[in-house]
Amino acid sequence: MSSFGAALPRYVLVTDLAQVAESEMVARIRRAREPVVVLIRDKGLPREERRALASRLSAIARPLGHALWIAEDVQLASELELDGVHLVSASPVDAVAQARRALPAGAWVNLACHSVEEALSRVKGPLLGPQGRPDSLFLSPIFTSPGKGAPLGVGALSELVSRLAEGASADTATKLIALGGIDRETAPACFQAGAAAVAAIRAELG
């Protein structure tokens, strides 16, 4: 399970074998200068191939102090004892609570969102309850990213960070992860806007 406890690493490396070969992802994991999260995305892979990919990357990343999440497949996250799961924005309202019931205590739950209002509804909605709030959110796209629609800009990050902090302590507030057009040149602006972490598929981070 999680090697970073309640702390979220600053960088999330998202796998997509169609854009970044496994060998390059392995090299990036090994080159990372601080702990990162490796998010196994590749939702189009057959389940057993995805399991094998997660197992291979886990064997490389874990000894280096990195964490492993997988997109959507809560059962596979539990079976492989990964550190967390990433849920898509179309997930049902109770998806986070369901994931928490299925995963071991301490597993991280991240949720994708594409606007400030959507994010707030998934964190502060009246029907969510404590178990229904994700540990972190992807907000995207922050910058221009192929096929991802109009960028939200760093102003959206600042606004959401501020609104998520209302009524919450620094320890309990849902963390915000910037996604979309992130690279080493754009990442600093995201951190300055209050993002706890940044994520990328094509660019190398960490």
N, C-alpha and C. Protein backbone atom coordinates (compact mmCIF):
# COMPACT_ATOMS: atom_id res chain seq x y z
N MET A 1 0.82 -1.20 0.00
CA MET A 1 0.00 0.00 0.00
C MET A 1 0.86 1.25 0.00
N SER A 2 0.24 2.38 0.31
CA SER A 2 0.89 3.67 0.10
C SER A 2 2.19 3.80 0.87
N SER A 3 3.22 4.26 0.16
CA SER A 3 4.49 4.55 0.80
C SER A 3 4.59 6.01 1.19
N PHE A 4 3.56 6.83 0.86
CA PHE A 4 3.63 8.25 1.15
C PHE A 4 2.57 8.72 2.12
N GLY A 5 1.77 7.78 2.65
CA GLY A 5 0.79 8.14 3.66
C GLY A 5 -0.16 9.21 3.17
N ALA A 6 -0.37 10.24 4.00
CA ALA A 6 -1.32 11.30 3.67
C ALA A 6 -0.72 12.35 2.73
N ALA A 7 0.58 12.27 2.50
CA ALA A 7 1.23 13.25 1.63
C ALA A 7 1.10 12.83 0.18
N LEU A 8 0.79 13.78 -0.67
CA LEU A 8 0.66 13.50 -2.10
C LEU A 8 1.93 13.96 -2.81
N PRO A 9 2.59 13.06 -3.56
CA PRO A 9 3.74 13.50 -4.35
C PRO A 9 3.35 14.62 -5.31
N ARG A 10 4.32 15.42 -5.70
CA ARG A 10 4.04 16.58 -6.54
C ARG A 10 3.81 16.23 -8.00
N TYR A 11 4.20 15.03 -8.41
CA TYR A 11 4.13 14.68 -9.83
C TYR A 11 3.39 13.36 -10.03
N VAL A 12 2.51 13.34 -11.03
CA VAL A 12 1.79 12.13 -11.42
C VAL A 12 2.14 11.82 -12.87
N LEU A 13 2.74 10.65 -13.09
CA LEU A 13 3.09 10.21 -14.44
C LEU A 13 1.99 9.28 -14.92
N VAL A 14 1.31 9.67 -15.98
CA VAL A 14 0.15 8.92 -16.47
C VAL A 14 0.57 8.07 -17.67
N THR A 15 0.30 6.78 -17.61
CA THR A 15 0.69 5.91 -18.72
C THR A 15 -0.32 5.98 -19.86
N ASP A 16 0.20 5.94 -21.06
CA ASP A 16 -0.59 5.81 -22.28
C ASP A 16 0.37 5.24 -23.31
N LEU A 17 0.33 3.93 -23.50
CA LEU A 17 1.31 3.27 -24.35
C LEU A 17 1.23 3.71 -25.80
N ALA A 18 0.10 4.30 -26.20
CA ALA A 18 -0.01 4.80 -27.57
C ALA A 18 0.82 6.06 -27.77
N GLN A 19 1.14 6.75 -26.68
CA GLN A 19 1.89 8.00 -26.77
C GLN A 19 3.30 7.90 -26.18
N VAL A 20 3.45 7.12 -25.14
CA VAL A 20 4.75 6.95 -24.48
C VAL A 20 4.99 5.47 -24.27
N ALA A 21 6.01 4.92 -24.90
CA ALA A 21 6.30 3.49 -24.80
C ALA A 21 6.62 3.09 -23.35
N GLU A 22 6.34 1.84 -23.04
CA GLU A 22 6.61 1.35 -21.69
C GLU A 22 8.07 1.55 -21.31
N SER A 23 8.97 1.31 -22.24
CA SER A 23 10.40 1.46 -21.94
C SER A 23 10.74 2.89 -21.55
N GLU A 24 10.11 3.86 -22.21
CA GLU A 24 10.34 5.26 -21.86
C GLU A 24 9.73 5.59 -20.51
N MET A 25 8.55 5.05 -20.22
CA MET A 25 7.94 5.29 -18.91
C MET A 25 8.83 4.71 -17.80
N VAL A 26 9.37 3.53 -18.03
CA VAL A 26 10.27 2.94 -17.04
C VAL A 26 11.48 3.85 -16.82
N ALA A 27 12.02 4.39 -17.91
CA ALA A 27 13.17 5.28 -17.79
C ALA A 27 12.80 6.53 -17.00
N ARG A 28 11.60 7.06 -17.23
CA ARG A 28 11.17 8.26 -16.51
C ARG A 28 11.01 7.97 -15.02
N ILE A 29 10.45 6.82 -14.71
CA ILE A 29 10.29 6.43 -13.30
C ILE A 29 11.65 6.35 -12.63
N ARG A 30 12.60 5.77 -13.31
CA ARG A 30 13.94 5.61 -12.72
C ARG A 30 14.68 6.95 -12.62
N ARG A 31 14.36 7.88 -13.52
CA ARG A 31 15.03 9.18 -13.50
C ARG A 31 14.42 10.16 -12.50
N ALA A 32 13.22 9.87 -12.02
CA ALA A 32 12.52 10.81 -11.13
C ALA A 32 13.38 11.13 -9.92
N ARG A 33 13.50 12.40 -9.61
CA ARG A 33 14.39 12.85 -8.55
C ARG A 33 13.69 12.93 -7.19
N GLU A 34 12.39 12.64 -7.16
CA GLU A 34 11.63 12.62 -5.92
C GLU A 34 10.47 11.65 -6.10
N PRO A 35 9.78 11.26 -5.03
CA PRO A 35 8.66 10.32 -5.17
C PRO A 35 7.60 10.86 -6.14
N VAL A 36 7.06 9.98 -6.96
CA VAL A 36 5.99 10.32 -7.90
C VAL A 36 4.88 9.29 -7.77
N VAL A 37 3.74 9.62 -8.34
CA VAL A 37 2.67 8.65 -8.54
C VAL A 37 2.72 8.19 -9.99
N VAL A 38 2.65 6.90 -10.21
CA VAL A 38 2.51 6.34 -11.55
C VAL A 38 1.06 5.89 -11.69
N LEU A 39 0.32 6.53 -12.57
CA LEU A 39 -1.09 6.20 -12.80
C LEU A 39 -1.20 5.32 -14.04
N ILE A 40 -1.62 4.07 -13.84
CA ILE A 40 -1.83 3.15 -14.95
C ILE A 40 -3.16 3.50 -15.61
N ARG A 41 -3.11 4.10 -16.77
CA ARG A 41 -4.32 4.51 -17.49
C ARG A 41 -4.66 3.42 -18.51
N ASP A 42 -4.27 3.53 -19.73
CA ASP A 42 -4.39 2.49 -20.76
C ASP A 42 -5.67 1.66 -20.63
N LYS A 43 -6.79 2.38 -20.61
CA LYS A 43 -8.08 1.70 -20.39
C LYS A 43 -8.48 0.79 -21.53
N GLY A 44 -7.86 0.96 -22.70
CA GLY A 44 -8.19 0.10 -23.84
C GLY A 44 -7.51 -1.24 -23.83
N LEU A 45 -6.56 -1.43 -22.94
CA LEU A 45 -5.88 -2.73 -22.88
C LEU A 45 -6.80 -3.79 -22.31
N PRO A 46 -6.72 -5.02 -22.82
CA PRO A 46 -7.43 -6.12 -22.15
C PRO A 46 -7.01 -6.20 -20.69
N ARG A 47 -7.92 -6.64 -19.84
CA ARG A 47 -7.68 -6.56 -18.39
C ARG A 47 -6.41 -7.29 -17.96
N GLU A 48 -6.15 -8.46 -18.52
CA GLU A 48 -4.97 -9.20 -18.09
C GLU A 48 -3.68 -8.50 -18.55
N GLU A 49 -3.72 -7.85 -19.71
CA GLU A 49 -2.55 -7.09 -20.14
C GLU A 49 -2.34 -5.87 -19.25
N ARG A 50 -3.43 -5.28 -18.84
CA ARG A 50 -3.34 -4.13 -17.93
C ARG A 50 -2.81 -4.56 -16.57
N ARG A 51 -3.26 -5.72 -16.12
CA ARG A 51 -2.75 -6.26 -14.86
C ARG A 51 -1.24 -6.49 -14.96
N ALA A 52 -0.82 -7.06 -16.06
CA ALA A 52 0.61 -7.34 -16.23
C ALA A 52 1.42 -6.04 -16.28
N LEU A 53 0.89 -5.04 -16.97
CA LEU A 53 1.57 -3.74 -17.03
C LEU A 53 1.70 -3.15 -15.63
N ALA A 54 0.62 -3.18 -14.87
CA ALA A 54 0.65 -2.64 -13.51
C ALA A 54 1.66 -3.39 -12.65
N SER A 55 1.72 -4.69 -12.81
CA SER A 55 2.65 -5.50 -12.02
C SER A 55 4.10 -5.17 -12.38
N ARG A 56 4.37 -5.02 -13.68
CA ARG A 56 5.73 -4.72 -14.10
C ARG A 56 6.18 -3.34 -13.60
N LEU A 57 5.31 -2.35 -13.75
CA LEU A 57 5.69 -1.01 -13.32
C LEU A 57 5.77 -0.91 -11.80
N SER A 58 4.92 -1.65 -11.11
CA SER A 58 4.98 -1.67 -9.65
C SER A 58 6.31 -2.23 -9.16
N ALA A 59 6.77 -3.28 -9.81
CA ALA A 59 8.03 -3.91 -9.41
C ALA A 59 9.21 -2.96 -9.58
N ILE A 60 9.10 -2.03 -10.52
CA ILE A 60 10.17 -1.05 -10.73
C ILE A 60 9.98 0.17 -9.82
N ALA A 61 8.75 0.65 -9.70
CA ALA A 61 8.50 1.91 -9.00
C ALA A 61 8.54 1.77 -7.48
N ARG A 62 7.96 0.70 -6.96
CA ARG A 62 7.85 0.56 -5.51
C ARG A 62 9.20 0.59 -4.79
N PRO A 63 10.19 -0.16 -5.26
CA PRO A 63 11.48 -0.11 -4.56
C PRO A 63 12.13 1.27 -4.56
N LEU A 64 11.72 2.13 -5.49
CA LEU A 64 12.26 3.49 -5.58
C LEU A 64 11.45 4.49 -4.76
N GLY A 65 10.41 4.01 -4.06
CA GLY A 65 9.61 4.88 -3.22
C GLY A 65 8.45 5.56 -3.91
N HIS A 66 8.12 5.12 -5.13
CA HIS A 66 7.01 5.71 -5.87
C HIS A 66 5.71 4.96 -5.57
N ALA A 67 4.59 5.59 -5.89
CA ALA A 67 3.27 5.02 -5.64
C ALA A 67 2.61 4.63 -6.96
N LEU A 68 1.68 3.69 -6.90
CA LEU A 68 0.96 3.21 -8.08
C LEU A 68 -0.53 3.38 -7.90
N TRP A 69 -1.18 4.04 -8.87
CA TRP A 69 -2.64 4.09 -8.96
C TRP A 69 -3.05 3.42 -10.26
N ILE A 70 -4.30 3.03 -10.34
CA ILE A 70 -4.83 2.52 -11.60
C ILE A 70 -6.17 3.22 -11.88
N ALA A 71 -6.45 3.45 -13.14
CA ALA A 71 -7.69 4.14 -13.52
C ALA A 71 -8.86 3.18 -13.53
N GLU A 72 -9.90 3.54 -12.79
CA GLU A 72 -11.23 2.94 -12.81
C GLU A 72 -11.37 1.56 -12.19
N ASP A 73 -10.39 0.68 -12.35
CA ASP A 73 -10.56 -0.72 -11.94
C ASP A 73 -10.26 -0.89 -10.46
N VAL A 74 -11.28 -0.66 -9.64
CA VAL A 74 -11.12 -0.74 -8.19
C VAL A 74 -10.74 -2.15 -7.77
N GLN A 75 -11.34 -3.14 -8.40
CA GLN A 75 -11.05 -4.53 -8.05
C GLN A 75 -9.58 -4.86 -8.30
N LEU A 76 -9.07 -4.42 -9.44
CA LEU A 76 -7.68 -4.69 -9.76
C LEU A 76 -6.74 -3.94 -8.81
N ALA A 77 -7.09 -2.73 -8.45
CA ALA A 77 -6.30 -1.99 -7.47
C ALA A 77 -6.21 -2.74 -6.16
N SER A 78 -7.32 -3.34 -5.75
CA SER A 78 -7.34 -4.11 -4.51
C SER A 78 -6.54 -5.39 -4.64
N GLU A 79 -6.73 -6.11 -5.74
CA GLU A 79 -6.04 -7.39 -5.94
C GLU A 79 -4.52 -7.22 -5.97
N LEU A 80 -4.06 -6.13 -6.60
CA LEU A 80 -2.62 -5.89 -6.73
C LEU A 80 -2.04 -5.07 -5.58
N GLU A 81 -2.92 -4.70 -4.63
CA GLU A 81 -2.51 -3.90 -3.47
C GLU A 81 -1.81 -2.61 -3.92
N LEU A 82 -2.43 -1.96 -4.90
CA LEU A 82 -1.90 -0.68 -5.36
C LEU A 82 -2.23 0.41 -4.34
N ASP A 83 -1.63 1.57 -4.53
CA ASP A 83 -1.78 2.64 -3.55
C ASP A 83 -3.05 3.45 -3.73
N GLY A 84 -3.70 3.33 -4.88
CA GLY A 84 -4.90 4.11 -5.07
C GLY A 84 -5.56 3.84 -6.40
N VAL A 85 -6.68 4.53 -6.60
CA VAL A 85 -7.46 4.37 -7.82
C VAL A 85 -7.87 5.75 -8.32
N HIS A 86 -7.95 5.89 -9.64
CA HIS A 86 -8.41 7.12 -10.27
C HIS A 86 -9.76 6.85 -10.92
N LEU A 87 -10.74 7.69 -10.62
CA LEU A 87 -12.09 7.54 -11.15
C LEU A 87 -12.37 8.64 -12.16
N VAL A 88 -13.11 8.29 -13.22
CA VAL A 88 -13.41 9.26 -14.27
C VAL A 88 -14.56 10.17 -13.83
N SER A 89 -14.71 11.29 -14.53
CA SER A 89 -15.71 12.28 -14.15
C SER A 89 -17.14 11.74 -14.29
N ALA A 90 -17.33 10.76 -15.16
CA ALA A 90 -18.67 10.20 -15.35
C ALA A 90 -19.03 9.17 -14.29
N SER A 91 -18.17 8.95 -13.33
CA SER A 91 -18.45 7.98 -12.27
C SER A 91 -19.69 8.40 -11.48
N PRO A 92 -20.48 7.44 -11.00
CA PRO A 92 -21.66 7.78 -10.19
C PRO A 92 -21.30 8.59 -8.96
N VAL A 93 -22.28 9.26 -8.40
CA VAL A 93 -22.06 10.11 -7.23
C VAL A 93 -21.47 9.31 -6.07
N ASP A 94 -21.86 8.05 -5.94
CA ASP A 94 -21.38 7.24 -4.82
C ASP A 94 -20.14 6.43 -5.15
N ALA A 95 -19.48 6.73 -6.27
CA ALA A 95 -18.33 5.92 -6.71
C ALA A 95 -17.17 5.99 -5.73
N VAL A 96 -16.92 7.16 -5.17
CA VAL A 96 -15.81 7.30 -4.23
C VAL A 96 -16.08 6.46 -2.98
N ALA A 97 -17.28 6.57 -2.45
CA ALA A 97 -17.62 5.79 -1.26
C ALA A 97 -17.54 4.29 -1.55
N GLN A 98 -17.99 3.87 -2.72
CA GLN A 98 -17.90 2.46 -3.09
C GLN A 98 -16.44 2.01 -3.18
N ALA A 99 -15.60 2.86 -3.75
CA ALA A 99 -14.18 2.52 -3.86
C ALA A 99 -13.56 2.37 -2.48
N ARG A 100 -13.90 3.26 -1.57
CA ARG A 100 -13.34 3.17 -0.22
C ARG A 100 -13.75 1.87 0.47
N ARG A 101 -14.96 1.42 0.24
CA ARG A 101 -15.40 0.17 0.86
C ARG A 101 -14.66 -1.04 0.28
N ALA A 102 -14.27 -0.93 -0.99
CA ALA A 102 -13.62 -2.06 -1.66
C ALA A 102 -12.11 -2.10 -1.45
N LEU A 103 -11.51 -0.95 -1.15
CA LEU A 103 -10.06 -0.85 -1.04
C LEU A 103 -9.62 -0.90 0.41
N PRO A 104 -8.39 -1.32 0.66
CA PRO A 104 -7.87 -1.31 2.03
C PRO A 104 -7.82 0.11 2.59
N ALA A 105 -7.86 0.21 3.90
CA ALA A 105 -7.77 1.51 4.55
C ALA A 105 -6.49 2.22 4.12
N GLY A 106 -6.59 3.49 3.85
CA GLY A 106 -5.43 4.27 3.46
C GLY A 106 -5.21 4.39 1.97
N ALA A 107 -5.95 3.63 1.18
CA ALA A 107 -5.81 3.75 -0.27
C ALA A 107 -6.31 5.12 -0.73
N TRP A 108 -5.64 5.66 -1.74
CA TRP A 108 -5.94 7.01 -2.23
C TRP A 108 -7.02 6.93 -3.31
N VAL A 109 -7.96 7.85 -3.30
CA VAL A 109 -9.00 7.93 -4.32
C VAL A 109 -8.94 9.29 -5.00
N ASN A 110 -8.70 9.28 -6.29
CA ASN A 110 -8.61 10.49 -7.10
C ASN A 110 -9.77 10.51 -8.09
N LEU A 111 -10.28 11.69 -8.41
CA LEU A 111 -11.44 11.82 -9.30
C LEU A 111 -11.18 12.90 -10.34
N ALA A 112 -11.54 12.64 -11.59
CA ALA A 112 -11.37 13.62 -12.66
C ALA A 112 -12.53 14.60 -12.69
N CYS A 113 -12.22 15.89 -12.89
CA CYS A 113 -13.24 16.92 -13.06
C CYS A 113 -12.79 17.89 -14.14
N HIS A 114 -13.77 18.56 -14.76
CA HIS A 114 -13.45 19.42 -15.89
C HIS A 114 -13.99 20.84 -15.74
N SER A 115 -14.41 21.19 -14.55
CA SER A 115 -14.79 22.58 -14.26
C SER A 115 -14.77 22.77 -12.76
N VAL A 116 -14.71 24.02 -12.35
CA VAL A 116 -14.71 24.33 -10.92
C VAL A 116 -16.00 23.86 -10.27
N GLU A 117 -17.12 24.13 -10.91
CA GLU A 117 -18.41 23.76 -10.31
C GLU A 117 -18.57 22.25 -10.21
N GLU A 118 -18.13 21.54 -11.24
CA GLU A 118 -18.21 20.08 -11.17
C GLU A 118 -17.36 19.57 -10.00
N ALA A 119 -16.18 20.12 -9.86
CA ALA A 119 -15.29 19.68 -8.78
C ALA A 119 -15.93 19.93 -7.42
N LEU A 120 -16.51 21.10 -7.24
CA LEU A 120 -17.13 21.42 -5.96
C LEU A 120 -18.30 20.48 -5.66
N SER A 121 -19.06 20.12 -6.69
CA SER A 121 -20.19 19.22 -6.47
C SER A 121 -19.74 17.83 -6.04
N ARG A 122 -18.51 17.44 -6.47
CA ARG A 122 -18.02 16.11 -6.13
C ARG A 122 -17.27 16.08 -4.80
N VAL A 123 -17.05 17.26 -4.24
CA VAL A 123 -16.36 17.33 -2.95
C VAL A 123 -17.29 17.79 -1.83
N LYS A 124 -18.19 18.73 -2.16
CA LYS A 124 -19.03 19.33 -1.14
C LYS A 124 -20.52 19.10 -1.36
N GLY A 125 -20.85 18.16 -2.23
CA GLY A 125 -22.26 17.86 -2.46
C GLY A 125 -22.94 17.39 -1.19
N PRO A 126 -24.22 17.72 -0.98
CA PRO A 126 -24.91 17.42 0.28
C PRO A 126 -25.09 15.93 0.55
N LEU A 127 -25.02 15.09 -0.46
CA LEU A 127 -25.28 13.66 -0.27
C LEU A 127 -24.01 12.82 -0.19
N LEU A 128 -22.85 13.44 -0.23
CA LEU A 128 -21.61 12.68 -0.33
C LEU A 128 -21.21 12.03 0.99
N GLY A 129 -21.23 12.80 2.08
CA GLY A 129 -20.74 12.28 3.35
C GLY A 129 -19.23 12.20 3.35
N PRO A 130 -18.62 11.99 4.52
CA PRO A 130 -17.15 11.97 4.63
C PRO A 130 -16.49 10.94 3.72
N GLN A 131 -17.10 9.79 3.56
CA GLN A 131 -16.50 8.74 2.74
C GLN A 131 -16.68 8.98 1.25
N GLY A 132 -17.52 9.94 0.89
CA GLY A 132 -17.79 10.21 -0.52
C GLY A 132 -16.93 11.27 -1.14
N ARG A 133 -16.07 11.88 -0.33
CA ARG A 133 -15.19 12.93 -0.86
C ARG A 133 -13.86 12.32 -1.29
N PRO A 134 -13.40 12.63 -2.49
CA PRO A 134 -12.12 12.09 -2.94
C PRO A 134 -10.95 12.74 -2.20
N ASP A 135 -9.84 12.04 -2.17
CA ASP A 135 -8.63 12.60 -1.57
C ASP A 135 -8.05 13.71 -2.45
N SER A 136 -8.22 13.55 -3.76
CA SER A 136 -7.69 14.53 -4.69
C SER A 136 -8.53 14.56 -5.95
N LEU A 137 -8.36 15.64 -6.70
CA LEU A 137 -9.07 15.84 -7.96
C LEU A 137 -8.08 16.17 -9.06
N PHE A 138 -8.30 15.61 -10.23
CA PHE A 138 -7.69 16.15 -11.45
C PHE A 138 -8.61 17.28 -11.92
N LEU A 139 -8.04 18.44 -12.19
CA LEU A 139 -8.78 19.49 -12.88
C LEU A 139 -8.12 19.67 -14.23
N SER A 140 -8.91 19.52 -15.30
CA SER A 140 -8.33 19.60 -16.65
C SER A 140 -9.37 20.05 -17.67
N PRO A 141 -8.86 20.56 -18.83
CA PRO A 141 -7.45 20.85 -19.13
C PRO A 141 -7.08 22.26 -18.66
N ILE A 142 -5.93 22.38 -18.02
CA ILE A 142 -5.49 23.69 -17.56
C ILE A 142 -4.93 24.50 -18.72
N PHE A 143 -4.08 23.86 -19.53
CA PHE A 143 -3.52 24.49 -20.73
C PHE A 143 -4.02 23.73 -21.96
N THR A 144 -3.72 24.25 -23.12
CA THR A 144 -4.15 23.60 -24.36
C THR A 144 -3.59 22.19 -24.43
N SER A 145 -4.48 21.24 -24.72
CA SER A 145 -4.10 19.84 -24.82
C SER A 145 -4.91 19.21 -25.95
N PRO A 146 -4.28 18.43 -26.82
CA PRO A 146 -4.98 17.89 -27.99
C PRO A 146 -6.26 17.15 -27.63
N GLY A 147 -7.36 17.57 -28.25
CA GLY A 147 -8.64 16.88 -28.09
C GLY A 147 -9.32 17.07 -26.76
N LYS A 148 -8.88 18.04 -25.96
CA LYS A 148 -9.43 18.18 -24.61
C LYS A 148 -10.27 19.43 -24.40
N GLY A 149 -10.57 20.15 -25.47
CA GLY A 149 -11.44 21.31 -25.33
C GLY A 149 -10.69 22.55 -24.88
N ALA A 150 -11.45 23.61 -24.60
CA ALA A 150 -10.86 24.90 -24.24
C ALA A 150 -10.17 24.80 -22.89
N PRO A 151 -8.97 25.36 -22.76
CA PRO A 151 -8.26 25.30 -21.49
C PRO A 151 -8.94 26.15 -20.42
N LEU A 152 -8.88 25.67 -19.18
CA LEU A 152 -9.49 26.39 -18.06
C LEU A 152 -8.60 27.50 -17.56
N GLY A 153 -7.29 27.32 -17.67
CA GLY A 153 -6.35 28.33 -17.20
C GLY A 153 -6.03 28.20 -15.72
N VAL A 154 -4.92 28.81 -15.31
CA VAL A 154 -4.50 28.71 -13.93
C VAL A 154 -5.45 29.45 -12.99
N GLY A 155 -6.23 30.39 -13.53
CA GLY A 155 -7.21 31.07 -12.69
C GLY A 155 -8.22 30.11 -12.10
N ALA A 156 -8.60 29.09 -12.87
CA ALA A 156 -9.53 28.09 -12.36
C ALA A 156 -8.91 27.30 -11.22
N LEU A 157 -7.61 27.03 -11.33
CA LEU A 157 -6.91 26.35 -10.23
C LEU A 157 -6.97 27.19 -8.96
N SER A 158 -6.64 28.46 -9.08
CA SER A 158 -6.64 29.34 -7.91
C SER A 158 -8.02 29.40 -7.26
N GLU A 159 -9.04 29.55 -8.10
CA GLU A 159 -10.40 29.63 -7.57
C GLU A 159 -10.79 28.36 -6.85
N LEU A 160 -10.49 27.22 -7.47
CA LEU A 160 -10.89 25.95 -6.86
C LEU A 160 -10.12 25.67 -5.58
N VAL A 161 -8.84 25.95 -5.56
CA VAL A 161 -8.06 25.77 -4.33
C VAL A 161 -8.68 26.58 -3.19
N SER A 162 -9.02 27.83 -3.48
CA SER A 162 -9.60 28.69 -2.46
C SER A 162 -10.93 28.15 -1.96
N ARG A 163 -11.77 27.70 -2.89
CA ARG A 163 -13.11 27.24 -2.49
C ARG A 163 -13.07 25.88 -1.80
N LEU A 164 -12.11 25.05 -2.18
CA LEU A 164 -11.97 23.76 -1.49
C LEU A 164 -11.50 23.95 -0.06
N ALA A 165 -10.73 25.00 0.18
CA ALA A 165 -10.18 25.24 1.51
C ALA A 165 -11.21 25.79 2.48
N GLU A 166 -12.33 26.29 1.97
CA GLU A 166 -13.35 26.88 2.84
C GLU A 166 -13.93 25.81 3.77
N GLY A 167 -13.80 26.05 5.06
CA GLY A 167 -14.36 25.12 6.04
C GLY A 167 -13.56 23.85 6.24
N ALA A 168 -12.37 23.78 5.67
CA ALA A 168 -11.55 22.58 5.81
C ALA A 168 -10.15 22.97 6.27
N SER A 169 -9.53 22.09 7.03
CA SER A 169 -8.14 22.32 7.42
C SER A 169 -7.22 21.93 6.28
N ALA A 170 -5.97 22.31 6.38
CA ALA A 170 -5.00 21.96 5.33
C ALA A 170 -4.85 20.46 5.20
N ASP A 171 -5.06 19.74 6.31
CA ASP A 171 -4.90 18.29 6.29
C ASP A 171 -6.09 17.57 5.66
N THR A 172 -7.29 18.16 5.80
CA THR A 172 -8.49 17.46 5.34
C THR A 172 -8.99 17.95 3.99
N ALA A 173 -8.52 19.10 3.52
CA ALA A 173 -9.00 19.62 2.24
C ALA A 173 -8.60 18.70 1.10
N THR A 174 -9.50 18.51 0.17
CA THR A 174 -9.20 17.70 -1.01
C THR A 174 -8.09 18.37 -1.81
N LYS A 175 -7.09 17.58 -2.18
CA LYS A 175 -5.94 18.11 -2.92
C LYS A 175 -6.30 18.27 -4.40
N LEU A 176 -5.64 19.23 -5.04
CA LEU A 176 -5.92 19.52 -6.45
C LEU A 176 -4.70 19.20 -7.31
N ILE A 177 -4.94 18.44 -8.38
CA ILE A 177 -3.89 18.04 -9.31
C ILE A 177 -4.20 18.64 -10.67
N ALA A 178 -3.29 19.42 -11.21
CA ALA A 178 -3.48 20.04 -12.51
C ALA A 178 -3.11 19.08 -13.62
N LEU A 179 -3.93 19.02 -14.66
CA LEU A 179 -3.72 18.12 -15.79
C LEU A 179 -4.07 18.86 -17.07
N GLY A 180 -3.37 18.54 -18.15
CA GLY A 180 -3.69 19.11 -19.45
C GLY A 180 -2.70 20.16 -19.87
N GLY A 181 -1.79 19.79 -20.77
CA GLY A 181 -0.78 20.73 -21.24
C GLY A 181 0.31 21.01 -20.23
N ILE A 182 0.49 20.10 -19.27
CA ILE A 182 1.48 20.31 -18.22
C ILE A 182 2.84 19.77 -18.68
N ASP A 183 3.86 20.58 -18.48
CA ASP A 183 5.23 20.14 -18.69
C ASP A 183 6.11 20.90 -17.69
N ARG A 184 7.41 20.77 -17.82
CA ARG A 184 8.28 21.41 -16.84
C ARG A 184 8.24 22.93 -16.92
N GLU A 185 7.79 23.46 -18.06
CA GLU A 185 7.69 24.92 -18.20
C GLU A 185 6.39 25.47 -17.63
N THR A 186 5.30 24.70 -17.77
CA THR A 186 4.00 25.18 -17.28
C THR A 186 3.70 24.76 -15.84
N ALA A 187 4.37 23.74 -15.35
CA ALA A 187 4.09 23.24 -13.99
C ALA A 187 4.27 24.30 -12.91
N PRO A 188 5.33 25.14 -12.94
CA PRO A 188 5.48 26.13 -11.86
C PRO A 188 4.27 27.04 -11.68
N ALA A 189 3.63 27.43 -12.78
CA ALA A 189 2.45 28.30 -12.65
C ALA A 189 1.33 27.58 -11.92
N CYS A 190 1.22 26.28 -12.11
CA CYS A 190 0.18 25.50 -11.42
C CYS A 190 0.45 25.44 -9.93
N PHE A 191 1.70 25.23 -9.57
CA PHE A 191 2.04 25.21 -8.15
C PHE A 191 1.82 26.59 -7.52
N GLN A 192 2.16 27.65 -8.24
CA GLN A 192 1.95 29.00 -7.73
C GLN A 192 0.46 29.29 -7.52
N ALA A 193 -0.38 28.65 -8.34
CA ALA A 193 -1.83 28.84 -8.22
C ALA A 193 -2.42 27.99 -7.09
N GLY A 194 -1.61 27.14 -6.48
CA GLY A 194 -2.08 26.37 -5.33
C GLY A 194 -2.27 24.89 -5.56
N ALA A 195 -2.00 24.39 -6.78
CA ALA A 195 -2.12 22.96 -7.02
C ALA A 195 -1.15 22.19 -6.14
N ALA A 196 -1.60 21.07 -5.59
CA ALA A 196 -0.74 20.23 -4.77
C ALA A 196 0.18 19.38 -5.64
N ALA A 197 -0.24 19.13 -6.88
CA ALA A 197 0.53 18.27 -7.78
C ALA A 197 0.15 18.58 -9.22
N VAL A 198 0.95 18.08 -10.14
CA VAL A 198 0.67 18.21 -11.56
C VAL A 198 0.80 16.83 -12.18
N ALA A 199 0.09 16.61 -13.30
CA ALA A 199 0.08 15.32 -13.96
C ALA A 199 0.28 15.50 -15.46
N ALA A 200 0.89 14.51 -16.09
CA ALA A 200 1.09 14.58 -17.53
C ALA A 200 1.24 13.19 -18.11
N ILE A 201 0.89 13.08 -19.39
CA ILE A 201 1.10 11.84 -20.15
C ILE A 201 2.35 12.00 -21.01
N ARG A 202 2.35 13.01 -21.86
CA ARG A 202 3.43 13.13 -22.84
C ARG A 202 4.72 13.69 -22.25
N ALA A 203 4.61 14.63 -21.33
CA ALA A 203 5.80 15.31 -20.81
C ALA A 203 6.41 14.54 -19.66
N GLU A 204 7.71 14.67 -19.52
CA GLU A 204 8.41 14.07 -18.37
C GLU A 204 8.37 15.05 -17.22
N LEU A 205 8.00 14.54 -16.04
CA LEU A 205 7.93 15.33 -14.83
C LEU A 205 8.73 14.64 -13.74
N GLY A 206 9.06 15.37 -12.70
CA GLY A 206 9.71 14.76 -11.55
C GLY A 206 11.22 14.76 -11.65
